[in-house]
Amino acid sequence: MVGDSPHLDGGYAAFGRVSSGMEHAQAIAAAKRGPGDRPVQDQRIKKITMELFGQTYPEPEKVK
């Protein structure tokens, strides 16, 4: 999501911030869509980095 989407309010959680590479997020958002608003070609995120600002967190529970 690269802009306001009030129709999604209350139904979906948005979190995070793009600190660099916004052009890639915009390219994903602009990808050609097919039925159900699904991208015709799969869109993949190859790498995500999280800044923890010195905080430590337990290992998350893995989905089986």
Protein backbone atom coordinates (compact mmCIF):
# COMPACT_ATOMS: atom_id res chain seq x y z
CA MET A 1 0.00 0.00 0.00
CA VAL A 2 1.62 3.24 -1.08
CA GLY A 3 -1.22 5.62 -0.31
CA ASP A 4 -4.42 6.07 1.67
CA SER A 5 -6.89 3.19 1.29
CA PRO A 6 -9.89 4.02 3.48
CA HIS A 7 -11.84 1.06 2.06
CA LEU A 8 -9.39 -1.23 3.89
CA ASP A 9 -9.72 0.49 7.29
CA GLY A 10 -10.83 -1.88 10.00
CA GLY A 11 -10.18 -4.96 7.90
CA TYR A 12 -6.41 -5.00 7.41
CA ALA A 13 -3.35 -4.03 9.41
CA ALA A 14 -0.72 -1.83 7.80
CA PHE A 15 2.63 -1.49 9.50
CA GLY A 16 6.13 -0.35 8.77
CA ARG A 17 7.69 2.33 6.66
CA VAL A 18 9.76 2.31 3.49
CA SER A 19 13.04 4.01 4.39
CA SER A 20 14.57 3.57 0.93
CA GLY A 21 13.53 2.04 -2.36
CA MET A 22 10.03 3.53 -2.51
CA GLU A 23 10.21 3.16 -6.29
CA HIS A 24 10.10 -0.62 -5.79
CA ALA A 25 6.96 -0.39 -3.63
CA GLN A 26 5.35 1.82 -6.27
CA ALA A 27 6.29 -0.65 -9.03
CA ILE A 28 4.59 -3.46 -7.09
CA ALA A 29 1.50 -1.30 -6.60
CA ALA A 30 1.44 -0.44 -10.33
CA ALA A 31 1.81 -4.06 -11.53
CA LYS A 32 -0.78 -5.21 -14.08
CA ARG A 33 -3.77 -6.82 -12.33
CA GLY A 34 -6.06 -9.65 -13.25
CA PRO A 35 -9.23 -11.09 -11.71
CA GLY A 36 -9.72 -10.30 -8.04
CA ASP A 37 -7.19 -7.44 -8.29
CA ARG A 38 -4.39 -10.02 -8.12
CA PRO A 39 -1.15 -9.14 -9.94
CA VAL A 40 -0.82 -11.06 -13.22
CA GLN A 41 2.83 -11.78 -12.39
CA ASP A 42 3.82 -12.73 -8.82
CA GLN A 43 5.42 -9.86 -6.89
CA ARG A 44 8.21 -10.95 -4.54
CA ILE A 45 10.06 -9.11 -1.80
CA LYS A 46 13.62 -10.47 -1.75
CA LYS A 47 14.91 -8.74 1.38
CA ILE A 48 13.51 -6.90 4.39
CA THR A 49 15.56 -5.25 7.10
CA MET A 50 14.15 -4.33 10.49
CA GLU A 51 15.68 -1.63 12.69
CA LEU A 52 15.14 -2.65 16.33
CA PHE A 53 16.70 0.49 17.84
CA GLY A 54 18.58 -1.53 20.48
CA GLN A 55 15.54 -3.51 21.65
CA THR A 56 15.68 -7.29 21.82
CA TYR A 57 12.74 -9.58 21.16
CA PRO A 58 12.22 -13.33 21.60
CA GLU A 59 12.32 -15.57 18.54
CA PRO A 60 8.84 -15.49 16.94
CA GLU A 61 6.65 -18.57 16.82
CA LYS A 62 7.01 -20.24 13.43
CA VAL A 63 3.97 -21.08 11.32
CA LYS A 64 3.70 -24.79 10.57
